[in-house]
Amino acid sequence: MPPVFATAFMVGFIEWACIEALRPFLGSHERTVGTHVDVSHVAATPVGMMVTADVELIAVEGRKLRFKVSCRDEGGPIGEGFHERAVIDHDKFMARVLTKSRQTGSLPQ
């Protein structure tokens, strides 16, 4: 890997930015999970350069949230696209994850 801000890190940064933008609006039992990512990564960012993510909630359909996203570094735009998240009840979600883990033997019984 060359010493640049990798695409996977940009996607993670976009997800984090969306999570933080939603935090004040969620109930104590609510969280969001990523469900879809459609972004381009068009320019390399050298290690150590500042990256900024801009996220805008553009649609709400029930529990489904759609964001327009873009990232830039100190030299200009590096990526843009869309990211979707779903609002979940944390306890119910984790109960389903635990059940699935036990069914597949991923976690001790």
PDB file of N, CA and C in Angstrom:
ATOM      1  N   MET A   1       0.837  -1.194   0.000  1.00  0.00           N
ATOM      2  CA  MET A   1       0.000   0.000   0.000  1.00  0.00           C
ATOM      3  C   MET A   1       0.880   1.256   0.000  1.00  0.00           C
ATOM      4  N   PRO A   2       0.580   2.205  -0.852  1.00  0.00           N
ATOM      5  CA  PRO A   2       1.295   3.482  -0.792  1.00  0.00           C
ATOM      6  C   PRO A   2       0.864   4.249   0.465  1.00  0.00           C
ATOM      7  N   PRO A   3       1.678   5.173   0.940  1.00  0.00           N
ATOM      8  CA  PRO A   3       1.360   5.915   2.170  1.00  0.00           C
ATOM      9  C   PRO A   3       0.335   7.029   1.926  1.00  0.00           C
ATOM     10  N   VAL A   4      -0.917   6.605   1.702  1.00  0.00           N
ATOM     11  CA  VAL A   4      -2.013   7.547   1.456  1.00  0.00           C
ATOM     12  C   VAL A   4      -3.246   7.142   2.281  1.00  0.00           C
ATOM     13  N   PHE A   5      -4.219   8.028   2.356  1.00  0.00           N
ATOM     14  CA  PHE A   5      -5.501   7.801   3.024  1.00  0.00           C
ATOM     15  C   PHE A   5      -6.299   6.823   2.155  1.00  0.00           C
ATOM     16  N   ALA A   6      -6.409   5.571   2.596  1.00  0.00           N
ATOM     17  CA  ALA A   6      -7.028   4.521   1.789  1.00  0.00           C
ATOM     18  C   ALA A   6      -8.538   4.711   1.666  1.00  0.00           C
ATOM     19  N   THR A   7      -9.098   4.156   0.601  1.00  0.00           N
ATOM     20  CA  THR A   7     -10.537   4.235   0.363  1.00  0.00           C
ATOM     21  C   THR A   7     -11.335   3.676   1.545  1.00  0.00           C
ATOM     22  N   ALA A   8     -10.893   2.552   2.085  1.00  0.00           N
ATOM     23  CA  ALA A   8     -11.607   1.963   3.230  1.00  0.00           C
ATOM     24  C   ALA A   8     -11.633   2.919   4.422  1.00  0.00           C
ATOM     25  N   PHE A   9     -10.552   3.646   4.637  1.00  0.00           N
ATOM     26  CA  PHE A   9     -10.525   4.618   5.730  1.00  0.00           C
ATOM     27  C   PHE A   9     -11.460   5.781   5.432  1.00  0.00           C
ATOM     28  N   MET A  10     -11.547   6.193   4.168  1.00  0.00           N
ATOM     29  CA  MET A  10     -12.461   7.280   3.808  1.00  0.00           C
ATOM     30  C   MET A  10     -13.906   6.853   4.059  1.00  0.00           C
ATOM     31  N   VAL A  11     -14.248   5.629   3.690  1.00  0.00           N
ATOM     32  CA  VAL A  11     -15.607   5.121   3.934  1.00  0.00           C
ATOM     33  C   VAL A  11     -15.892   5.085   5.439  1.00  0.00           C
ATOM     34  N   GLY A  12     -14.939   4.601   6.227  1.00  0.00           N
ATOM     35  CA  GLY A  12     -15.113   4.588   7.677  1.00  0.00           C
ATOM     36  C   GLY A  12     -15.267   5.986   8.250  1.00  0.00           C
ATOM     37  N   PHE A  13     -14.504   6.940   7.722  1.00  0.00           N
ATOM     38  CA  PHE A  13     -14.594   8.333   8.164  1.00  0.00           C
ATOM     39  C   PHE A  13     -15.968   8.918   7.834  1.00  0.00           C
ATOM     40  N   ILE A  14     -16.489   8.602   6.649  1.00  0.00           N
ATOM     41  CA  ILE A  14     -17.829   9.054   6.257  1.00  0.00           C
ATOM     42  C   ILE A  14     -18.873   8.468   7.209  1.00  0.00           C
ATOM     43  N   GLU A  15     -18.767   7.166   7.507  1.00  0.00           N
ATOM     44  CA  GLU A  15     -19.714   6.537   8.432  1.00  0.00           C
ATOM     45  C   GLU A  15     -19.669   7.219   9.789  1.00  0.00           C
ATOM     46  N   TRP A  16     -18.454   7.441  10.300  1.00  0.00           N
ATOM     47  CA  TRP A  16     -18.294   8.104  11.601  1.00  0.00           C
ATOM     48  C   TRP A  16     -18.940   9.491  11.582  1.00  0.00           C
ATOM     49  N   ALA A  17     -18.730  10.263  10.509  1.00  0.00           N
ATOM     50  CA  ALA A  17     -19.301  11.603  10.414  1.00  0.00           C
ATOM     51  C   ALA A  17     -20.835  11.556  10.444  1.00  0.00           C
ATOM     52  N   CYS A  18     -21.419  10.582   9.747  1.00  0.00           N
ATOM     53  CA  CYS A  18     -22.881  10.436   9.762  1.00  0.00           C
ATOM     54  C   CYS A  18     -23.380  10.048  11.154  1.00  0.00           C
ATOM     55  N   ILE A  19     -22.690   9.130  11.805  1.00  0.00           N
ATOM     56  CA  ILE A  19     -23.067   8.707  13.160  1.00  0.00           C
ATOM     57  C   ILE A  19     -23.046   9.903  14.106  1.00  0.00           C
ATOM     58  N   GLU A  20     -21.985  10.678  14.038  1.00  0.00           N
ATOM     59  CA  GLU A  20     -21.869  11.844  14.924  1.00  0.00           C
ATOM     60  C   GLU A  20     -22.938  12.894  14.619  1.00  0.00           C
ATOM     61  N   ALA A  21     -23.259  13.083  13.347  1.00  0.00           N
ATOM     62  CA  ALA A  21     -24.294  14.066  12.980  1.00  0.00           C
ATOM     63  C   ALA A  21     -25.665  13.663  13.518  1.00  0.00           C
ATOM     64  N   LEU A  22     -25.905  12.348  13.615  1.00  0.00           N
ATOM     65  CA  LEU A  22     -27.210  11.858  14.076  1.00  0.00           C
ATOM     66  C   LEU A  22     -27.327  11.766  15.592  1.00  0.00           C
ATOM     67  N   ARG A  23     -26.199  11.667  16.279  1.00  0.00           N
ATOM     68  CA  ARG A  23     -26.191  11.409  17.725  1.00  0.00           C
ATOM     69  C   ARG A  23     -27.183  12.257  18.538  1.00  0.00           C
ATOM     70  N   PRO A  24     -27.264  13.563  18.324  1.00  0.00           N
ATOM     71  CA  PRO A  24     -28.184  14.374  19.149  1.00  0.00           C
ATOM     72  C   PRO A  24     -29.671  14.083  18.907  1.00  0.00           C
ATOM     73  N   PHE A  25     -29.989  13.388  17.832  1.00  0.00           N
ATOM     74  CA  PHE A  25     -31.386  13.185  17.445  1.00  0.00           C
ATOM     75  C   PHE A  25     -31.922  11.789  17.748  1.00  0.00           C
ATOM     76  N   LEU A  26     -31.077  10.921  18.280  1.00  0.00           N
ATOM     77  CA  LEU A  26     -31.491   9.544  18.551  1.00  0.00           C
ATOM     78  C   LEU A  26     -31.856   9.374  20.018  1.00  0.00           C
ATOM     79  N   GLY A  27     -32.834   8.491  20.265  1.00  0.00           N
ATOM     80  CA  GLY A  27     -33.176   8.136  21.628  1.00  0.00           C
ATOM     81  C   GLY A  27     -32.063   7.312  22.253  1.00  0.00           C
ATOM     82  N   SER A  28     -32.079   7.169  23.578  1.00  0.00           N
ATOM     83  CA  SER A  28     -31.009   6.452  24.268  1.00  0.00           C
ATOM     84  C   SER A  28     -30.909   4.989  23.843  1.00  0.00           C
ATOM     85  N   HIS A  29     -31.998   4.411  23.356  1.00  0.00           N
ATOM     86  CA  HIS A  29     -32.012   3.013  22.926  1.00  0.00           C
ATOM     87  C   HIS A  29     -31.733   2.845  21.434  1.00  0.00           C
ATOM     88  N   GLU A  30     -31.563   3.945  20.715  1.00  0.00           N
ATOM     89  CA  GLU A  30     -31.407   3.893  19.268  1.00  0.00           C
ATOM     90  C   GLU A  30     -29.938   4.049  18.851  1.00  0.00           C
ATOM     91  N   ARG A  31     -29.605   3.376  17.781  1.00  0.00           N
ATOM     92  CA  ARG A  31     -28.311   3.509  17.124  1.00  0.00           C
ATOM     93  C   ARG A  31     -28.592   3.472  15.627  1.00  0.00           C
ATOM     94  N   THR A  32     -27.552   3.666  14.820  1.00  0.00           N
ATOM     95  CA  THR A  32     -27.703   3.489  13.378  1.00  0.00           C
ATOM     96  C   THR A  32     -26.649   2.513  12.888  1.00  0.00           C
ATOM     97  N   VAL A  33     -26.998   1.808  11.829  1.00  0.00           N
ATOM     98  CA  VAL A  33     -26.066   0.896  11.169  1.00  0.00           C
ATOM     99  C   VAL A  33     -26.016   1.249   9.690  1.00  0.00           C
ATOM    100  N   GLY A  34     -24.840   1.117   9.120  1.00  0.00           N
ATOM    101  CA  GLY A  34     -24.677   1.368   7.697  1.00  0.00           C
ATOM    102  C   GLY A  34     -25.302   0.251   6.880  1.00  0.00           C
ATOM    103  N   THR A  35     -25.971   0.626   5.800  1.00  0.00           N
ATOM    104  CA  THR A  35     -26.626  -0.359   4.944  1.00  0.00           C
ATOM    105  C   THR A  35     -26.192  -0.269   3.480  1.00  0.00           C
ATOM    106  N   HIS A  36     -25.642   0.874   3.081  1.00  0.00           N
ATOM    107  CA  HIS A  36     -25.240   1.019   1.680  1.00  0.00           C
ATOM    108  C   HIS A  36     -24.230   2.157   1.572  1.00  0.00           C
ATOM    109  N   VAL A  37     -23.215   1.952   0.726  1.00  0.00           N
ATOM    110  CA  VAL A  37     -22.207   2.975   0.448  1.00  0.00           C
ATOM    111  C   VAL A  37     -22.009   3.043  -1.062  1.00  0.00           C
ATOM    112  N   ASP A  38     -22.093   4.239  -1.609  1.00  0.00           N
ATOM    113  CA  ASP A  38     -21.859   4.459  -3.036  1.00  0.00           C
ATOM    114  C   ASP A  38     -21.035   5.737  -3.163  1.00  0.00           C
ATOM    115  N   VAL A  39     -19.714   5.593  -3.071  1.00  0.00           N
ATOM    116  CA  VAL A  39     -18.836   6.761  -3.115  1.00  0.00           C
ATOM    117  C   VAL A  39     -17.691   6.536  -4.099  1.00  0.00           C
ATOM    118  N   SER A  40     -17.231   7.631  -4.654  1.00  0.00           N
ATOM    119  CA  SER A  40     -16.031   7.607  -5.481  1.00  0.00           C
ATOM    120  C   SER A  40     -14.869   8.134  -4.642  1.00  0.00           C
ATOM    121  N   HIS A  41     -13.666   7.669  -4.952  1.00  0.00           N
ATOM    122  CA  HIS A  41     -12.455   8.164  -4.297  1.00  0.00           C
ATOM    123  C   HIS A  41     -11.535   8.571  -5.433  1.00  0.00           C
ATOM    124  N   VAL A  42     -11.437   9.882  -5.667  1.00  0.00           N
ATOM    125  CA  VAL A  42     -10.840  10.361  -6.913  1.00  0.00           C
ATOM    126  C   VAL A  42      -9.458  10.978  -6.775  1.00  0.00           C
ATOM    127  N   ALA A  43      -8.975  11.159  -5.548  1.00  0.00           N
ATOM    128  CA  ALA A  43      -7.654  11.767  -5.383  1.00  0.00           C
ATOM    129  C   ALA A  43      -6.972  11.205  -4.143  1.00  0.00           C
ATOM    130  N   ALA A  44      -5.662  11.006  -4.249  1.00  0.00           N
ATOM    131  CA  ALA A  44      -4.878  10.500  -3.127  1.00  0.00           C
ATOM    132  C   ALA A  44      -4.605  11.613  -2.119  1.00  0.00           C
ATOM    133  N   THR A  45      -4.599  11.230  -0.850  1.00  0.00           N
ATOM    134  CA  THR A  45      -4.265  12.145   0.237  1.00  0.00           C
ATOM    135  C   THR A  45      -3.036  11.594   0.955  1.00  0.00           C
ATOM    136  N   PRO A  46      -1.929  12.343   0.948  1.00  0.00           N
ATOM    137  CA  PRO A  46      -0.740  11.872   1.644  1.00  0.00           C
ATOM    138  C   PRO A  46      -0.982  11.746   3.144  1.00  0.00           C
ATOM    139  N   VAL A  47      -0.308  10.773   3.757  1.00  0.00           N
ATOM    140  CA  VAL A  47      -0.399  10.602   5.205  1.00  0.00           C
ATOM    141  C   VAL A  47      -0.015  11.906   5.887  1.00  0.00           C
ATOM    142  N   GLY A  48      -0.806  12.302   6.878  1.00  0.00           N
ATOM    143  CA  GLY A  48      -0.545  13.518   7.637  1.00  0.00           C
ATOM    144  C   GLY A  48      -1.350  14.726   7.181  1.00  0.00           C
ATOM    145  N   MET A  49      -1.966  14.645   6.005  1.00  0.00           N
ATOM    146  CA  MET A  49      -2.769  15.765   5.521  1.00  0.00           C
ATOM    147  C   MET A  49      -4.165  15.698   6.131  1.00  0.00           C
ATOM    148  N   MET A  50      -4.737  16.833   6.477  1.00  0.00           N
ATOM    149  CA  MET A  50      -6.061  16.931   7.082  1.00  0.00           C
ATOM    150  C   MET A  50      -7.134  16.567   6.054  1.00  0.00           C
ATOM    151  N   VAL A  51      -8.110  15.723   6.488  1.00  0.00           N
ATOM    152  CA  VAL A  51      -9.251  15.349   5.664  1.00  0.00           C
ATOM    153  C   VAL A  51     -10.521  15.804   6.375  1.00  0.00           C
ATOM    154  N   THR A  52     -11.457  16.357   5.617  1.00  0.00           N
ATOM    155  CA  THR A  52     -12.742  16.824   6.143  1.00  0.00           C
ATOM    156  C   THR A  52     -13.865  16.089   5.423  1.00  0.00           C
ATOM    157  N   ALA A  53     -14.864  15.670   6.190  1.00  0.00           N
ATOM    158  CA  ALA A  53     -16.051  15.039   5.601  1.00  0.00           C
ATOM    159  C   ALA A  53     -17.244  15.961   5.802  1.00  0.00           C
ATOM    160  N   ASP A  54     -18.008  16.161   4.751  1.00  0.00           N
ATOM    161  CA  ASP A  54     -19.269  16.897   4.832  1.00  0.00           C
ATOM    162  C   ASP A  54     -20.379  15.901   4.554  1.00  0.00           C
ATOM    163  N   VAL A  55     -21.365  15.844   5.464  1.00  0.00           N
ATOM    164  CA  VAL A  55     -22.488  14.920   5.295  1.00  0.00           C
ATOM    165  C   VAL A  55     -23.787  15.701   5.423  1.00  0.00           C
ATOM    166  N   GLU A  56     -24.731  15.405   4.543  1.00  0.00           N
ATOM    167  CA  GLU A  56     -26.029  16.075   4.547  1.00  0.00           C
ATOM    168  C   GLU A  56     -27.126  15.024   4.460  1.00  0.00           C
ATOM    169  N   LEU A  57     -28.000  14.998   5.453  1.00  0.00           N
ATOM    170  CA  LEU A  57     -29.143  14.091   5.431  1.00  0.00           C
ATOM    171  C   LEU A  57     -30.122  14.617   4.389  1.00  0.00           C
ATOM    172  N   ILE A  58     -30.356  13.826   3.345  1.00  0.00           N
ATOM    173  CA  ILE A  58     -31.193  14.310   2.247  1.00  0.00           C
ATOM    174  C   ILE A  58     -32.531  13.580   2.147  1.00  0.00           C
ATOM    175  N   ALA A  59     -32.672  12.447   2.840  1.00  0.00           N
ATOM    176  CA  ALA A  59     -33.939  11.716   2.769  1.00  0.00           C
ATOM    177  C   ALA A  59     -34.109  10.855   4.014  1.00  0.00           C
ATOM    178  N   VAL A  60     -35.359  10.803   4.477  1.00  0.00           N
ATOM    179  CA  VAL A  60     -35.744   9.934   5.581  1.00  0.00           C
ATOM    180  C   VAL A  60     -36.985   9.176   5.124  1.00  0.00           C
ATOM    181  N   GLU A  61     -36.878   7.845   5.097  1.00  0.00           N
ATOM    182  CA  GLU A  61     -38.011   6.995   4.730  1.00  0.00           C
ATOM    183  C   GLU A  61     -38.171   5.968   5.844  1.00  0.00           C
ATOM    184  N   GLY A  62     -39.033   6.257   6.795  1.00  0.00           N
ATOM    185  CA  GLY A  62     -39.164   5.384   7.951  1.00  0.00           C
ATOM    186  C   GLY A  62     -37.867   5.375   8.727  1.00  0.00           C
ATOM    187  N   ARG A  63     -37.270   4.190   8.864  1.00  0.00           N
ATOM    188  CA  ARG A  63     -35.999   4.063   9.587  1.00  0.00           C
ATOM    189  C   ARG A  63     -34.788   4.245   8.673  1.00  0.00           C
ATOM    190  N   LYS A  64     -35.005   4.362   7.373  1.00  0.00           N
ATOM    191  CA  LYS A  64     -33.917   4.485   6.397  1.00  0.00           C
ATOM    192  C   LYS A  64     -33.511   5.954   6.225  1.00  0.00           C
ATOM    193  N   LEU A  65     -32.207   6.201   6.328  1.00  0.00           N
ATOM    194  CA  LEU A  65     -31.661   7.551   6.209  1.00  0.00           C
ATOM    195  C   LEU A  65     -30.678   7.581   5.041  1.00  0.00           C
ATOM    196  N   ARG A  66     -30.772   8.604   4.201  1.00  0.00           N
ATOM    197  CA  ARG A  66     -29.865   8.721   3.046  1.00  0.00           C
ATOM    198  C   ARG A  66     -29.090  10.034   3.167  1.00  0.00           C
ATOM    199  N   PHE A  67     -27.774   9.937   3.048  1.00  0.00           N
ATOM    200  CA  PHE A  67     -26.890  11.094   3.149  1.00  0.00           C
ATOM    201  C   PHE A  67     -26.185  11.343   1.822  1.00  0.00           C
ATOM    202  N   LYS A  68     -26.019  12.618   1.486  1.00  0.00           N
ATOM    203  CA  LYS A  68     -25.098  13.032   0.440  1.00  0.00           C
ATOM    204  C   LYS A  68     -23.788  13.322   1.164  1.00  0.00           C
ATOM    205  N   VAL A  69     -22.682  12.763   0.676  1.00  0.00           N
ATOM    206  CA  VAL A  69     -21.418  12.874   1.393  1.00  0.00           C
ATOM    207  C   VAL A  69     -20.311  13.358   0.456  1.00  0.00           C
ATOM    208  N   SER A  70     -19.349  14.047   1.034  1.00  0.00           N
ATOM    209  CA  SER A  70     -18.157  14.426   0.279  1.00  0.00           C
ATOM    210  C   SER A  70     -16.984  14.554   1.242  1.00  0.00           C
ATOM    211  N   CYS A  71     -15.805  14.301   0.722  1.00  0.00           N
ATOM    212  CA  CYS A  71     -14.576  14.458   1.501  1.00  0.00           C
ATOM    213  C   CYS A  71     -13.604  15.306   0.707  1.00  0.00           C
ATOM    214  N   ARG A  72     -12.795  16.041   1.443  1.00  0.00           N
ATOM    215  CA  ARG A  72     -11.763  16.857   0.816  1.00  0.00           C
ATOM    216  C   ARG A  72     -10.537  16.856   1.709  1.00  0.00           C
ATOM    217  N   ASP A  73      -9.398  17.070   1.094  1.00  0.00           N
ATOM    218  CA  ASP A  73      -8.186  17.279   1.870  1.00  0.00           C
ATOM    219  C   ASP A  73      -7.743  18.721   1.647  1.00  0.00           C
ATOM    220  N   GLU A  74      -6.563  19.042   2.102  1.00  0.00           N
ATOM    221  CA  GLU A  74      -6.081  20.427   1.994  1.00  0.00           C
ATOM    222  C   GLU A  74      -5.873  20.863   0.544  1.00  0.00           C
ATOM    223  N   GLY A  75      -5.845  19.910  -0.379  1.00  0.00           N
ATOM    224  CA  GLY A  75      -5.658  20.232  -1.789  1.00  0.00           C
ATOM    225  C   GLY A  75      -6.935  20.275  -2.603  1.00  0.00           C
ATOM    226  N   GLY A  76      -8.062  19.841  -1.998  1.00  0.00           N
ATOM    227  CA  GLY A  76      -9.324  19.875  -2.724  1.00  0.00           C
ATOM    228  C   GLY A  76     -10.122  18.602  -2.531  1.00  0.00           C
ATOM    229  N   PRO A  77     -11.148  18.396  -3.376  1.00  0.00           N
ATOM    230  CA  PRO A  77     -12.030  17.230  -3.241  1.00  0.00           C
ATOM    231  C   PRO A  77     -11.271  15.916  -3.452  1.00  0.00           C
ATOM    232  N   ILE A  78     -11.635  14.907  -2.637  1.00  0.00           N
ATOM    233  CA  ILE A  78     -11.037  13.578  -2.809  1.00  0.00           C
ATOM    234  C   ILE A  78     -12.090  12.493  -3.016  1.00  0.00           C
ATOM    235  N   GLY A  79     -13.358  12.786  -2.707  1.00  0.00           N
ATOM    236  CA  GLY A  79     -14.399  11.781  -2.895  1.00  0.00           C
ATOM    237  C   GLY A  79     -15.774  12.339  -2.631  1.00  0.00           C
ATOM    238  N   GLU A  80     -16.781  11.643  -3.193  1.00  0.00           N
ATOM    239  CA  GLU A  80     -18.165  12.061  -2.975  1.00  0.00           C
ATOM    240  C   GLU A  80     -19.097  10.917  -3.317  1.00  0.00           C
ATOM    241  N   GLY A  81     -20.336  11.044  -2.860  1.00  0.00           N
ATOM    242  CA  GLY A  81     -21.334  10.038  -3.172  1.00  0.00           C
ATOM    243  C   GLY A  81     -22.467  10.037  -2.172  1.00  0.00           C
ATOM    244  N   PHE A  82     -22.960   8.824  -1.867  1.00  0.00           N
ATOM    245  CA  PHE A  82     -24.116   8.662  -0.983  1.00  0.00           C
ATOM    246  C   PHE A  82     -23.853   7.545   0.014  1.00  0.00           C
ATOM    247  N   HIS A  83     -24.458   7.695   1.176  1.00  0.00           N
ATOM    248  CA  HIS A  83     -24.353   6.676   2.225  1.00  0.00           C
ATOM    249  C   HIS A  83     -25.732   6.529   2.866  1.00  0.00           C
ATOM    250  N   GLU A  84     -26.140   5.277   3.084  1.00  0.00           N
ATOM    251  CA  GLU A  84     -27.427   5.018   3.732  1.00  0.00           C
ATOM    252  C   GLU A  84     -27.204   4.310   5.060  1.00  0.00           C
ATOM    253  N   ARG A  85     -28.051   4.655   6.032  1.00  0.00           N
ATOM    254  CA  ARG A  85     -28.005   4.069   7.355  1.00  0.00           C
ATOM    255  C   ARG A  85     -29.434   3.729   7.752  1.00  0.00           C
ATOM    256  N   ALA A  86     -29.576   2.831   8.724  1.00  0.00           N
ATOM    257  CA  ALA A  86     -30.889   2.473   9.263  1.00  0.00           C
ATOM    258  C   ALA A  86     -30.865   2.688  10.770  1.00  0.00           C
ATOM    259  N   VAL A  87     -31.944   3.229  11.294  1.00  0.00           N
ATOM    260  CA  VAL A  87     -32.093   3.408  12.739  1.00  0.00           C
ATOM    261  C   VAL A  87     -32.541   2.070  13.321  1.00  0.00           C
ATOM    262  N   ILE A  88     -31.861   1.644  14.379  1.00  0.00           N
ATOM    263  CA  ILE A  88     -32.184   0.367  15.021  1.00  0.00           C
ATOM    264  C   ILE A  88     -32.413   0.561  16.511  1.00  0.00           C
ATOM    265  N   ASP A  89     -33.147  -0.365  17.105  1.00  0.00           N
ATOM    266  CA  ASP A  89     -33.237  -0.461  18.560  1.00  0.00           C
ATOM    267  C   ASP A  89     -32.039  -1.301  18.990  1.00  0.00           C
ATOM    268  N   HIS A  90     -31.138  -0.729  19.752  1.00  0.00           N
ATOM    269  CA  HIS A  90     -29.873  -1.375  20.091  1.00  0.00           C
ATOM    270  C   HIS A  90     -30.066  -2.730  20.761  1.00  0.00           C
ATOM    271  N   ASP A  91     -30.914  -2.815  21.766  1.00  0.00           N
ATOM    272  CA  ASP A  91     -31.088  -4.070  22.496  1.00  0.00           C
ATOM    273  C   ASP A  91     -31.676  -5.167  21.617  1.00  0.00           C
ATOM    274  N   LYS A  92     -32.681  -4.835  20.817  1.00  0.00           N
ATOM    275  CA  LYS A  92     -33.278  -5.836  19.924  1.00  0.00           C
ATOM    276  C   LYS A  92     -32.274  -6.302  18.873  1.00  0.00           C
ATOM    277  N   PHE A  93     -31.515  -5.372  18.345  1.00  0.00           N
ATOM    278  CA  PHE A  93     -30.514  -5.695  17.337  1.00  0.00           C
ATOM    279  C   PHE A  93     -29.457  -6.638  17.910  1.00  0.00           C
ATOM    280  N   MET A  94     -28.955  -6.304  19.107  1.00  0.00           N
ATOM    281  CA  MET A  94     -27.916  -7.126  19.716  1.00  0.00           C
ATOM    282  C   MET A  94     -28.444  -8.506  20.096  1.00  0.00           C
ATOM    283  N   ALA A  95     -29.714  -8.597  20.480  1.00  0.00           N
ATOM    284  CA  ALA A  95     -30.308  -9.903  20.775  1.00  0.00           C
ATOM    285  C   ALA A  95     -30.312 -10.773  19.520  1.00  0.00           C
ATOM    286  N   ARG A  96     -30.649 -10.187  18.365  1.00  0.00           N
ATOM    287  CA  ARG A  96     -30.636 -10.943  17.103  1.00  0.00           C
ATOM    288  C   ARG A  96     -29.213 -11.358  16.720  1.00  0.00           C
ATOM    289  N   VAL A  97     -28.246 -10.483  16.954  1.00  0.00           N
ATOM    290  CA  VAL A  97     -26.854 -10.813  16.650  1.00  0.00           C
ATOM    291  C   VAL A  97     -26.380 -11.965  17.538  1.00  0.00           C
ATOM    292  N   LEU A  98     -26.717 -11.908  18.814  1.00  0.00           N
ATOM    293  CA  LEU A  98     -26.316 -12.973  19.732  1.00  0.00           C
ATOM    294  C   LEU A  98     -26.960 -14.301  19.349  1.00  0.00           C
ATOM    295  N   THR A  99     -28.247 -14.273  19.000  1.00  0.00           N
ATOM    296  CA  THR A  99     -28.933 -15.491  18.567  1.00  0.00           C
ATOM    297  C   THR A  99     -28.258 -16.071  17.329  1.00  0.00           C
ATOM    298  N   LYS A 100     -27.948 -15.238  16.376  1.00  0.00           N
ATOM    299  CA  LYS A 100     -27.289 -15.707  15.152  1.00  0.00           C
ATOM    300  C   LYS A 100     -25.908 -16.276  15.467  1.00  0.00           C
ATOM    301  N   SER A 101     -25.177 -15.621  16.341  1.00  0.00           N
ATOM    302  CA  SER A 101     -23.851 -16.112  16.728  1.00  0.00           C
ATOM    303  C   SER A 101     -23.927 -17.474  17.376  1.00  0.00           C
ATOM    304  N   ARG A 102     -24.897 -17.673  18.240  1.00  0.00           N
ATOM    305  CA  ARG A 102     -25.053 -18.965  18.906  1.00  0.00           C
ATOM    306  C   ARG A 102     -25.469 -20.053  17.913  1.00  0.00           C
ATOM    307  N   GLN A 103     -26.320 -19.697  16.948  1.00  0.00           N
ATOM    308  CA  GLN A 103     -26.787 -20.673  15.953  1.00  0.00           C
ATOM    309  C   GLN A 103     -25.654 -21.134  15.054  1.00  0.00           C
ATOM    310  N   THR A 104     -24.701 -20.266  14.811  1.00  0.00           N
ATOM    311  CA  THR A 104     -23.605 -20.606  13.909  1.00  0.00           C
ATOM    312  C   THR A 104     -22.358 -21.057  14.657  1.00  0.00           C
ATOM    313  N   GLY A 105     -22.419 -21.033  15.976  1.00  0.00           N
ATOM    314  CA  GLY A 105     -21.269 -21.440  16.773  1.00  0.00           C
ATOM    315  C   GLY A 105     -20.164 -20.390  16.843  1.00  0.00           C
ATOM    316  N   SER A 106     -20.483 -19.160  16.505  1.00  0.00           N
ATOM    317  CA  SER A 106     -19.493 -18.106  16.523  1.00  0.00           C
ATOM    318  C   SER A 106     -19.139 -17.657  17.935  1.00  0.00           C
ATOM    319  N   LEU A 107     -20.065 -17.819  18.878  1.00  0.00           N
ATOM    320  CA  LEU A 107     -19.836 -17.445  20.269  1.00  0.00           C
ATOM    321  C   LEU A 107     -20.123 -18.641  21.157  1.00  0.00           C
ATOM    322  N   PRO A 108     -19.494 -18.697  22.313  1.00  0.00           N
ATOM    323  CA  PRO A 108     -19.822 -19.787  23.249  1.00  0.00           C
ATOM    324  C   PRO A 108     -21.280 -19.712  23.671  1.00  0.00           C
ATOM    325  N   GLN A 109     -21.874 -20.869  23.896  1.00  0.00           N
ATOM    326  CA  GLN A 109     -23.292 -20.940  24.312  1.00  0.00           C
ATOM    327  C   GLN A 109     -23.500 -20.358  25.677  1.00  0.00           C
TER     328      GLN A 109
END
